Each structure stands twice: as structure tokens, then as C-alpha cells.
């Protein structure tokens, strides 16, 4: 093996060999989240936040973006997932945090206004952003990300639950959808999620 490496050094030069070895190590990383076999550009959307009526995903190029679909009145999985994302975010350095954005997209646009969503997500972290849209825009974004949702336990027009996909999507700084975390996956090992984020930030 040593003779083979020495031969490579003579043939291609030490700087090139080091670059090849570094690239190999980088691509040998096994992410904790479920990777897409063929990473693709994340679907664009324009929704409203408390501070921006035309919040676009493409405006976040250069950042790693977590996207979770939920709603304010969710009794369990939504606050739990947002708390898990808070723990991940808190483990990053300030420099890394500046390159990471957490988004909550509401699947309950009839009750969740951009203003109420803003208050809800800021309870977890001031940097988190809540997004809402028309029922049509919400349906399109959910479809683009393969998210299911529907009303359940309906008691009245304002009293109901919403069943929904509980996955978290992680988009890399180049705008590609790279990793998906199933329900409770982040809670099980937030440190490994942090490693995933750092891996994506280094690769940008």
C-alpha cells in the first residue's frame, strides 16, 4: 500500500493527491438523516411571514434550511419537533447559526396567520420563521415536498385537528434538498443532526 501511494505521489504530485484524499474523506461521510439518492433543487415557494408578505425560499441561498410542516394548535408533534430543532440550532456556533434557517410552514392556513405564526416560532428561537399562505398555495407547497395533511376531529369551523406528515427536510446552501428526518429522528440524536448540518455547510 505504501509503495502504491508513493507511486501516486510521483505520478500526480503531492498537492493533487492530498486533494483527492480530502475529497474522498468528505464523500465518505454517512449522514444521519435519510439522504436523497439524487439530490434535486428544493421546490421554490412564496409564502408570507410576519415581516415579509413575499418570503421566498430562493432568498435563503447560501444557508442550510430546515423545513417542517405543522400548525400552531398541534398538541404534540409540532411543539416537540420545534423544540428538537431549537436544541440542534443551539449546538451550532454563532457563525454556523448565521448560515442556518429554520422554517415552519403552516398546514392550517385558515387559522394560522403570519403574525400568529411569528409569535409561535419566536417562542422557540427569535431567528425561526413561520410561514403561511392561501389554502391553494399551502396545498401546492405540501404537494411539492410530498407532505400529506387533512383536517380531523372536526367539531366546528374553528375547532379541529390537522393530521400531517411529521418529516423535517434539510436543504443545503446551494438550494438542493439533501436530507429528510422522520418523526422523532432529530430528538433521538441531535448531535448527529448537527454533524449533518456542518457537513452540508462545509460542502457549500
Protein backbone atom coordinates (compact mmCIF):
# COMPACT_ATOMS: atom_id res chain seq x y z
CA UNK A 1 0.00 0.00 0.00
CA UNK A 2 2.82 2.41 0.95
CA UNK A 3 4.57 1.66 -2.36
CA UNK A 4 1.32 2.34 -4.23
CA UNK A 5 0.85 5.72 -2.54
CA UNK A 6 4.49 6.63 -3.23
CA UNK A 7 3.91 5.80 -6.86
CA UNK A 8 0.85 8.02 -6.94
CA UNK A 9 2.80 10.90 -5.39
CA UNK A 10 5.44 10.63 -8.13
CA UNK A 11 2.80 10.35 -10.85
CA UNK A 12 0.32 13.09 -9.92
CA UNK A 13 2.14 15.16 -7.32
CA UNK A 14 1.55 15.54 -3.60
CA UNK A 15 -0.90 18.52 -3.72
CA UNK A 16 -3.21 16.74 -6.14
CA UNK A 17 -3.06 13.53 -4.10
CA UNK A 18 -3.96 15.40 -0.91
CA UNK A 19 -6.91 17.00 -2.68
CA UNK A 20 -8.12 13.59 -3.87
CA UNK A 21 -7.83 12.11 -0.40
CA UNK A 22 -9.68 15.07 1.14
CA UNK A 23 -12.47 14.75 -1.41
CA UNK A 24 -12.75 11.03 -0.72
CA UNK A 25 -12.99 11.59 3.03
CA UNK A 26 -15.68 14.26 2.54
CA UNK A 27 -17.77 11.99 0.35
CA UNK A 28 -17.36 9.03 2.68
CA UNK A 29 -19.44 10.79 5.33
CA UNK A 30 -22.60 8.86 6.14
CA UNK A 31 -25.32 11.34 7.12
CA UNK A 32 -27.68 10.64 9.99
CA UNK A 33 -30.67 11.90 8.06
CA UNK A 34 -32.04 9.93 5.13
CA UNK A 35 -30.24 11.18 2.00
CA UNK A 36 -31.86 11.58 -1.37
CA UNK A 37 -30.12 9.29 -3.82
CA UNK A 38 -30.39 12.03 -6.44
CA UNK A 39 -30.34 15.43 -4.70
CA UNK A 40 -32.55 17.90 -6.53
CA UNK A 41 -33.30 21.59 -6.29
CA UNK A 42 -35.78 22.18 -3.47
CA UNK A 43 -39.16 23.35 -4.75
CA UNK A 44 -39.46 27.12 -4.71
CA UNK A 45 -42.31 28.79 -2.83
CA UNK A 46 -43.52 32.25 -1.95
CA UNK A 47 -45.38 32.50 1.35
CA UNK A 48 -45.96 35.16 3.99
CA UNK A 49 -44.06 35.64 7.23
CA UNK A 50 -44.80 38.13 9.97
CA UNK A 51 -42.23 40.51 8.46
CA UNK A 52 -42.38 39.67 4.76
CA UNK A 53 -45.51 39.08 2.63
CA UNK A 54 -43.40 37.53 -0.13
CA UNK A 55 -40.94 35.24 1.63
CA UNK A 56 -39.12 33.10 -0.94
CA UNK A 57 -37.03 30.00 -0.38
CA UNK A 58 -34.58 31.19 -3.05
CA UNK A 59 -33.76 34.21 -0.86
CA UNK A 60 -32.04 31.78 1.53
CA UNK A 61 -29.36 30.60 -0.91
CA UNK A 62 -26.10 30.23 1.00
CA UNK A 63 -27.88 28.84 4.07
CA UNK A 64 -28.79 25.35 5.21
CA UNK A 65 -32.57 25.37 5.66
CA UNK A 66 -34.71 23.14 7.87
CA UNK A 67 -38.36 22.95 6.76
CA UNK A 68 -41.10 21.50 8.93
CA UNK A 69 -44.81 21.44 8.11
CA UNK A 70 -47.02 21.92 11.16
CA UNK A 71 -49.52 24.24 12.82
CA UNK A 72 -49.97 26.31 15.95
CA UNK A 73 -52.74 24.26 17.57
CA UNK A 74 -50.85 20.99 17.12
CA UNK A 75 -50.95 19.29 20.53
CA UNK A 76 -47.80 17.19 20.41
CA UNK A 77 -45.52 16.53 17.43
CA UNK A 78 -45.20 20.17 16.32
CA UNK A 79 -44.00 21.73 19.58
CA UNK A 80 -41.81 18.68 20.20
CA UNK A 81 -40.19 18.96 16.77
CA UNK A 82 -39.67 22.70 17.10
CA UNK A 83 -38.04 22.13 20.49
CA UNK A 84 -35.78 19.49 18.91
CA UNK A 85 -34.78 21.94 16.16
CA UNK A 86 -34.07 24.54 18.83
CA UNK A 87 -31.66 22.11 20.51
CA UNK A 88 -29.87 21.48 17.23
CA UNK A 89 -29.64 25.19 16.47
CA UNK A 90 -28.31 25.96 19.96
CA UNK A 91 -25.44 23.49 19.48
CA UNK A 92 -24.12 25.41 16.46
CA UNK A 93 -21.58 28.19 16.76
CA UNK A 94 -22.79 31.77 16.15
CA UNK A 95 -21.03 31.70 12.78
CA UNK A 96 -22.83 28.49 11.84
CA UNK A 97 -26.17 29.79 13.11
CA UNK A 98 -25.84 32.73 10.74
CA UNK A 99 -25.84 30.20 7.89
CA UNK A 100 -28.81 28.13 9.08
CA UNK A 101 -32.53 28.91 8.89
CA UNK A 102 -35.44 27.03 10.46
CA UNK A 103 -38.84 27.40 8.76
CA UNK A 104 -42.26 26.24 9.95
CA UNK A 105 -44.80 26.11 7.11
CA UNK A 106 -48.37 26.02 8.35
CA UNK A 107 -50.73 23.29 7.16
CA UNK A 108 -53.58 25.20 8.83
CA UNK A 109 -53.74 28.41 6.77
CA UNK A 110 -57.33 29.13 7.80
CA UNK A 111 -56.34 29.69 11.43
CA UNK A 112 -52.59 30.39 11.34
CA UNK A 113 -51.88 33.97 10.30
CA UNK A 114 -48.31 35.08 9.55
CA UNK A 115 -48.41 37.22 12.70
CA UNK A 116 -49.56 34.42 15.00
CA UNK A 117 -47.03 32.05 13.44
CA UNK A 118 -44.29 34.60 14.02
CA UNK A 119 -45.08 34.72 17.72
CA UNK A 120 -45.27 30.94 17.90
CA UNK A 121 -41.89 30.18 16.31
CA UNK A 122 -40.10 33.00 18.13
CA UNK A 123 -41.04 31.27 21.38
CA UNK A 124 -38.54 28.57 20.37
CA UNK A 125 -35.89 30.90 18.90
CA UNK A 126 -36.02 34.53 17.71
CA UNK A 127 -34.41 33.54 14.39
CA UNK A 128 -37.03 30.93 13.46
CA UNK A 129 -39.56 31.92 10.79
CA UNK A 130 -43.19 30.87 10.44
CA UNK A 131 -44.82 30.90 7.01
CA UNK A 132 -48.43 30.82 5.90
CA UNK A 133 -50.24 31.13 2.59
CA UNK A 134 -53.60 30.70 0.93
CA UNK A 135 -55.15 27.23 1.06
CA UNK A 136 -54.16 26.82 -2.60
CA UNK A 137 -50.55 27.90 -2.04
CA UNK A 138 -50.30 25.64 1.02
CA UNK A 139 -51.60 22.66 -0.94
CA UNK A 140 -49.07 23.27 -3.71
CA UNK A 141 -46.07 23.54 -1.38
CA UNK A 142 -47.13 20.42 0.51
CA UNK A 143 -47.51 18.54 -2.77
CA UNK A 144 -44.07 19.67 -3.94
CA UNK A 145 -42.49 18.23 -0.77
CA UNK A 146 -44.63 15.11 -0.61
CA UNK A 147 -46.38 16.22 2.57
CA UNK A 148 -49.84 14.91 3.45
CA UNK A 149 -52.29 16.82 5.63
CA UNK A 150 -56.02 16.87 6.29
CA UNK A 151 -58.45 18.11 8.92
CA UNK A 152 -59.64 15.61 11.52
CA UNK A 153 -61.73 15.57 14.70
CA UNK A 154 -63.80 18.42 13.28
CA UNK A 155 -66.14 19.98 15.85
CA UNK A 156 -66.66 23.34 14.20
CA UNK A 157 -65.15 25.67 11.61
CA UNK A 158 -62.55 26.77 14.15
CA UNK A 159 -62.27 23.67 16.30
CA UNK A 160 -60.47 20.77 14.63
CA UNK A 161 -57.15 18.96 14.44
CA UNK A 162 -54.87 18.55 11.41
CA UNK A 163 -53.21 15.23 10.65
CA UNK A 164 -49.97 15.76 8.75
CA UNK A 165 -46.62 14.33 7.72
CA UNK A 166 -44.12 14.93 10.52
CA UNK A 167 -40.90 14.82 8.50
CA UNK A 168 -38.23 17.54 8.60
CA UNK A 169 -36.47 18.47 5.37
CA UNK A 170 -32.91 19.80 5.22
CA UNK A 171 -31.84 21.85 2.21
CA UNK A 172 -28.17 22.57 1.53
CA UNK A 173 -26.72 26.07 0.94
CA UNK A 174 -26.91 25.51 -2.82
CA UNK A 175 -30.67 25.10 -2.61
CA UNK A 176 -30.77 21.33 -3.04
CA UNK A 177 -32.99 19.06 -0.96
CA UNK A 178 -30.49 16.68 0.62
CA UNK A 179 -31.77 15.02 3.80
CA UNK A 180 -35.07 14.01 5.37
CA UNK A 181 -35.64 13.22 9.06
CA UNK A 182 -38.58 11.08 10.10
CA UNK A 183 -40.67 11.74 13.19
CA UNK A 184 -38.59 11.78 16.42
CA UNK A 185 -35.34 11.16 14.47
CA UNK A 186 -33.92 14.54 15.49
CA UNK A 187 -34.94 14.01 19.10
CA UNK A 188 -33.08 10.69 19.24
CA UNK A 189 -29.67 12.20 18.45
CA UNK A 190 -29.48 15.96 17.89
CA UNK A 191 -25.68 15.83 17.89
CA UNK A 192 -25.74 13.75 14.72
CA UNK A 193 -28.07 16.28 13.11
CA UNK A 194 -25.53 18.97 13.98
CA UNK A 195 -22.88 16.90 12.21
CA UNK A 196 -25.14 16.71 9.15
CA UNK A 197 -25.51 20.48 9.13
CA UNK A 198 -21.76 21.02 9.40
CA UNK A 199 -21.19 18.52 6.60
CA UNK A 200 -23.52 20.46 4.32
CA UNK A 201 -22.05 23.82 5.30
CA UNK A 202 -18.52 22.60 4.51
CA UNK A 203 -19.63 21.30 1.15
CA UNK A 204 -21.06 24.64 0.03
